[in-house]
């Protein structure tokens, strides 16, 4: 299975961001990718009002994303914002492609490091898996990566690959935490982990202030044994890599942590 991680810098303009999705999906499809993964907040970057850009799943932004996936006959996963309740939005991953039409609402909200996502975002309730060419793929978002139970639950439900779509907050030690957590979740679940984050805006001359998480880059694909198979730097880029789902069963025979669990 060929997977592409599109590490972008999304802006406050949903239309411009959609054009970037179209461009990167075309490149990835041209390289034979079956699954193209974009970061959290692809629709609009954090750091400004979200309620005004939130759209329903049958709205124009999601509709254009469906059309992009259909045009290239690939499955596209990307982060957007949908209307929630009580004046909040939902931080949603949408997945569209051949026989795929699904969405995941972020369960664990980023109330940490001086940022309170729950002030404006309503949490999701349930894990979600999709099927891409016979491979079971779990969907998670950013802060979810700090919670092993979600990843083992997805593995129990059949996941062989888990996407982590993120807009990771910058700060001392944060890149190292991103790397450590993504590798740990691969080991916890003995699945492949495709961790796709927003690129660091500073690398494109976009100097942002405030506490909003805007990205550090370092998107990576991790094997079920915790090995980093490929990793980008801080700048925008497209990572395309082949993974072998049969490796999941091989690692689980050698390292049966799911079967050996007591709690």
Protein backbone atom coordinates (compact mmCIF):
# COMPACT_ATOMS: atom_id res chain seq x y z
CA UNK A 1 0.00 0.00 0.00
CA UNK A 2 1.41 3.37 -1.01
CA UNK A 3 0.72 6.19 1.44
CA UNK A 4 1.40 9.93 1.07
CA UNK A 5 1.70 12.45 3.90
CA UNK A 6 1.18 16.03 2.73
CA UNK A 7 2.90 18.32 5.25
CA UNK A 8 1.49 21.76 4.49
CA UNK A 9 1.10 25.16 6.12
CA UNK A 10 -2.59 25.97 6.12
CA UNK A 11 -3.68 29.59 6.30
CA UNK A 12 -6.82 31.42 7.42
CA UNK A 13 -8.25 31.11 3.89
CA UNK A 14 -10.20 27.84 3.37
CA UNK A 15 -10.33 28.32 -0.42
CA UNK A 16 -6.55 28.74 -0.70
CA UNK A 17 -6.06 25.72 1.55
CA UNK A 18 -8.34 23.63 -0.66
CA UNK A 19 -6.25 24.60 -3.68
CA UNK A 20 -3.20 23.33 -1.83
CA UNK A 21 -5.01 20.06 -1.12
CA UNK A 22 -5.85 19.71 -4.80
CA UNK A 23 -2.25 20.35 -5.82
CA UNK A 24 -0.69 17.94 -3.33
CA UNK A 25 -3.27 15.21 -4.01
CA UNK A 26 -2.52 15.39 -7.72
CA UNK A 27 1.22 15.01 -7.07
CA UNK A 28 0.67 12.12 -4.64
CA UNK A 29 -1.71 10.33 -7.00
CA UNK A 30 0.80 10.80 -9.79
CA UNK A 31 3.29 8.90 -7.65
CA UNK A 32 0.84 6.05 -7.13
CA UNK A 33 -0.44 6.83 -3.64
CA UNK A 34 -3.71 5.15 -2.62
CA UNK A 35 -4.10 7.13 0.60
CA UNK A 36 -3.21 10.83 0.90
CA UNK A 37 -3.14 12.23 4.44
CA UNK A 38 -3.30 15.93 5.31
CA UNK A 39 -2.94 17.53 8.75
CA UNK A 40 -5.46 18.63 11.32
CA UNK A 41 -6.88 22.10 10.57
CA UNK A 42 -6.24 21.78 6.83
CA UNK A 43 -9.43 23.78 6.24
CA UNK A 44 -8.22 26.69 8.36
CA UNK A 45 -5.26 27.15 10.67
CA UNK A 46 -5.70 27.63 14.38
CA UNK A 47 -5.21 31.10 15.79
CA UNK A 48 -8.45 32.79 14.79
CA UNK A 49 -12.23 32.34 14.99
CA UNK A 50 -13.36 28.90 13.80
CA UNK A 51 -17.11 29.23 14.09
CA UNK A 52 -17.36 31.43 11.01
CA UNK A 53 -15.59 28.92 8.75
CA UNK A 54 -17.20 25.73 10.09
CA UNK A 55 -19.33 23.96 7.49
CA UNK A 56 -21.48 20.83 7.56
CA UNK A 57 -20.27 17.64 5.95
CA UNK A 58 -22.57 18.28 3.00
CA UNK A 59 -21.24 21.83 2.60
CA UNK A 60 -19.08 23.27 -0.20
CA UNK A 61 -15.64 22.70 1.36
CA UNK A 62 -16.23 19.02 2.02
CA UNK A 63 -17.94 18.69 -1.36
CA UNK A 64 -14.88 20.02 -3.15
CA UNK A 65 -12.68 17.68 -1.14
CA UNK A 66 -14.85 14.75 -2.25
CA UNK A 67 -14.46 15.91 -5.85
CA UNK A 68 -10.66 16.01 -5.51
CA UNK A 69 -10.59 12.46 -4.14
CA UNK A 70 -12.95 11.29 -6.88
CA UNK A 71 -10.95 12.96 -9.64
CA UNK A 72 -7.78 11.12 -8.66
CA UNK A 73 -9.45 7.90 -7.39
CA UNK A 74 -7.56 8.04 -4.11
CA UNK A 75 -8.67 8.26 -0.49
CA UNK A 76 -8.00 11.67 1.04
CA UNK A 77 -7.98 12.36 4.79
CA UNK A 78 -7.97 16.00 5.92
CA UNK A 79 -8.89 18.12 8.92
CA UNK A 80 -11.81 20.56 8.82
CA UNK A 81 -14.27 22.18 11.24
CA UNK A 82 -17.96 21.35 11.36
CA UNK A 83 -20.71 23.04 13.38
CA UNK A 84 -21.09 21.83 16.96
CA UNK A 85 -23.51 22.77 19.70
CA UNK A 86 -23.56 25.63 22.20
CA UNK A 87 -21.65 27.92 19.85
CA UNK A 88 -18.72 25.54 19.48
CA UNK A 89 -17.38 23.69 16.42
CA UNK A 90 -16.21 20.10 16.00
CA UNK A 91 -12.61 19.33 15.03
CA UNK A 92 -13.33 16.80 12.30
CA UNK A 93 -11.25 14.56 10.07
CA UNK A 94 -13.01 13.69 6.83
CA UNK A 95 -12.05 10.71 4.68
CA UNK A 96 -13.28 10.45 1.10
CA UNK A 97 -12.34 8.06 -1.65
CA UNK A 98 -13.41 4.93 -3.54
CA UNK A 99 -16.00 3.29 -1.26
CA UNK A 100 -14.97 5.65 1.58
CA UNK A 101 -17.14 8.42 3.01
CA UNK A 102 -16.45 8.85 6.71
CA UNK A 103 -15.58 11.36 9.39
CA UNK A 104 -13.98 11.33 12.83
CA UNK A 105 -14.57 13.98 15.49
CA UNK A 106 -11.54 14.59 17.70
CA UNK A 107 -12.11 12.95 21.09
CA UNK A 108 -9.27 14.39 23.20
CA UNK A 109 -9.23 18.19 23.13
CA UNK A 110 -6.00 20.13 23.61
CA UNK A 111 -6.44 21.79 26.98
CA UNK A 112 -2.73 21.98 27.74
CA UNK A 113 0.34 24.21 27.48
CA UNK A 114 -1.79 27.32 27.97
CA UNK A 115 -4.26 26.54 25.16
CA UNK A 116 -7.91 25.58 25.78
CA UNK A 117 -9.34 23.92 22.69
CA UNK A 118 -12.49 22.96 24.59
CA UNK A 119 -13.46 26.64 24.85
CA UNK A 120 -14.40 26.60 21.17
CA UNK A 121 -14.46 22.91 20.18
CA UNK A 122 -16.91 20.17 21.12
CA UNK A 123 -15.34 16.72 21.69
CA UNK A 124 -16.16 13.64 19.67
CA UNK A 125 -17.31 10.38 21.22
CA UNK A 126 -16.32 7.35 19.15
CA UNK A 127 -13.27 5.86 17.37
CA UNK A 128 -13.51 5.52 13.59
CA UNK A 129 -11.94 3.14 11.08
CA UNK A 130 -12.07 3.14 7.30
CA UNK A 131 -11.13 0.55 4.69
CA UNK A 132 -8.64 1.57 2.02
CA UNK A 133 -7.98 -1.14 -0.54
CA UNK A 134 -8.58 -3.85 2.05
CA UNK A 135 -6.40 -2.19 4.71
CA UNK A 136 -8.13 -1.10 7.92
CA UNK A 137 -7.13 2.47 8.79
CA UNK A 138 -7.85 4.24 12.08
CA UNK A 139 -8.29 8.01 12.34
CA UNK A 140 -6.94 10.12 15.19
CA UNK A 141 -6.16 13.80 15.67
CA UNK A 142 -3.16 15.49 17.33
CA UNK A 143 -3.64 15.42 21.14
CA UNK A 144 -5.18 11.94 20.75
CA UNK A 145 -1.61 10.66 20.37
CA UNK A 146 -1.05 11.14 24.10
CA UNK A 147 -3.76 8.57 24.93
CA UNK A 148 -2.69 4.96 24.32
CA UNK A 149 -6.18 3.55 24.96
CA UNK A 150 -7.56 5.01 21.75
CA UNK A 151 -4.82 3.34 19.72
CA UNK A 152 -5.23 -0.05 21.35
CA UNK A 153 -9.01 0.24 20.87
CA UNK A 154 -8.45 0.89 17.15
CA UNK A 155 -6.07 -2.07 16.98
CA UNK A 156 -8.65 -4.27 18.71
CA UNK A 157 -11.16 -3.16 16.07
CA UNK A 158 -8.82 -4.28 13.28
CA UNK A 159 -6.62 -1.28 12.48
CA UNK A 160 -3.40 -2.05 10.63
CA UNK A 161 -2.52 1.61 10.02
CA UNK A 162 -3.45 4.57 12.23
CA UNK A 163 -3.37 8.15 10.96
CA UNK A 164 -2.44 10.93 13.37
CA UNK A 165 -3.36 14.25 11.74
CA UNK A 166 -1.93 17.12 13.75
CA UNK A 167 -1.26 20.81 14.15
CA UNK A 168 1.34 20.27 16.86
CA UNK A 169 2.15 23.11 19.22
CA UNK A 170 5.71 24.43 19.17
CA UNK A 171 7.90 24.81 22.24
CA UNK A 172 10.88 23.36 24.06
CA UNK A 173 11.00 19.60 23.61
CA UNK A 174 7.79 19.45 21.58
CA UNK A 175 9.35 17.91 18.45
CA UNK A 176 10.97 15.24 20.61
CA UNK A 177 7.61 14.55 22.30
CA UNK A 178 5.90 14.26 18.92
CA UNK A 179 8.44 11.70 17.78
CA UNK A 180 8.39 9.78 21.05
CA UNK A 181 4.60 9.65 21.32
CA UNK A 182 4.02 8.59 17.72
CA UNK A 183 6.57 5.77 18.06
CA UNK A 184 5.12 4.69 21.40
CA UNK A 185 1.61 4.48 19.96
CA UNK A 186 2.89 2.29 17.12
CA UNK A 187 4.41 -0.03 19.73
CA UNK A 188 1.30 0.03 21.94
CA UNK A 189 -0.97 -0.95 19.06
CA UNK A 190 1.57 -2.83 16.89
CA UNK A 191 0.23 -0.96 13.86
CA UNK A 192 1.80 1.32 11.32
CA UNK A 193 1.39 4.97 12.36
CA UNK A 194 1.26 7.73 9.75
CA UNK A 195 1.73 10.96 11.71
CA UNK A 196 1.07 13.94 9.45
CA UNK A 197 1.51 17.40 10.95
CA UNK A 198 1.34 20.97 9.81
CA UNK A 199 4.72 22.29 8.69
CA UNK A 200 6.37 25.00 10.79
CA UNK A 201 5.00 28.33 9.48
CA UNK A 202 8.36 29.98 10.20
CA UNK A 203 9.91 27.93 7.38
CA UNK A 204 7.79 29.84 4.85
CA UNK A 205 8.22 33.26 6.46
CA UNK A 206 4.87 33.15 8.27
CA UNK A 207 5.60 34.56 11.72
CA UNK A 208 2.70 33.81 14.05
CA UNK A 209 2.22 34.81 17.66
CA UNK A 210 0.04 33.51 20.49
CA UNK A 211 -0.53 30.09 22.02
CA UNK A 212 -2.41 28.45 19.12
CA UNK A 213 -0.76 25.22 17.88
CA UNK A 214 0.39 25.95 14.35
CA UNK A 215 2.75 23.09 13.54
CA UNK A 216 6.33 21.90 13.85
CA UNK A 217 6.55 19.56 10.84
CA UNK A 218 8.40 16.24 11.22
CA UNK A 219 5.65 14.12 9.70
CA UNK A 220 6.66 10.48 9.77
CA UNK A 221 5.65 6.90 9.08
CA UNK A 222 6.41 4.39 11.81
CA UNK A 223 6.46 0.59 11.58
CA UNK A 224 4.59 -1.65 14.05
CA UNK A 225 7.91 -2.31 15.85
CA UNK A 226 8.43 1.42 16.48
CA UNK A 227 11.03 2.01 13.77
CA UNK A 228 10.77 5.32 11.90
CA UNK A 229 10.59 4.39 8.22
CA UNK A 230 10.65 7.94 6.84
CA UNK A 231 10.45 11.46 8.26
CA UNK A 232 10.24 15.01 6.92
CA UNK A 233 11.86 18.07 8.45
CA UNK A 234 10.15 21.26 9.59
CA UNK A 235 9.38 22.67 6.12
CA UNK A 236 6.48 21.75 3.82
CA UNK A 237 6.94 18.52 1.91
CA UNK A 238 5.32 15.38 0.56
CA UNK A 239 6.35 12.01 1.98
CA UNK A 240 5.39 9.02 -0.18
CA UNK A 241 6.15 5.53 1.10
CA UNK A 242 5.10 1.91 0.61
CA UNK A 243 4.00 -0.10 3.63
CA UNK A 244 3.29 -3.82 3.84
CA UNK A 245 0.23 -4.57 6.02
CA UNK A 246 1.46 -8.15 6.41
CA UNK A 247 4.16 -6.72 8.67
CA UNK A 248 1.51 -6.08 11.34
CA UNK A 249 0.81 -9.79 11.82
CA UNK A 250 4.54 -10.58 11.80
CA UNK A 251 5.26 -8.07 14.56
CA UNK A 252 2.27 -9.24 16.62
CA UNK A 253 3.61 -12.78 16.55
CA UNK A 254 6.97 -11.57 17.86
CA UNK A 255 5.62 -8.88 20.19
CA UNK A 256 2.11 -9.91 21.31
CA UNK A 257 1.47 -6.95 23.61
CA UNK A 258 -2.21 -6.83 22.69
CA UNK A 259 -2.66 -10.50 23.55
CA UNK A 260 -0.54 -10.22 26.72
CA UNK A 261 -2.46 -7.30 28.23
CA UNK A 262 -3.75 -7.68 31.77
CA UNK A 263 -5.37 -4.24 32.05
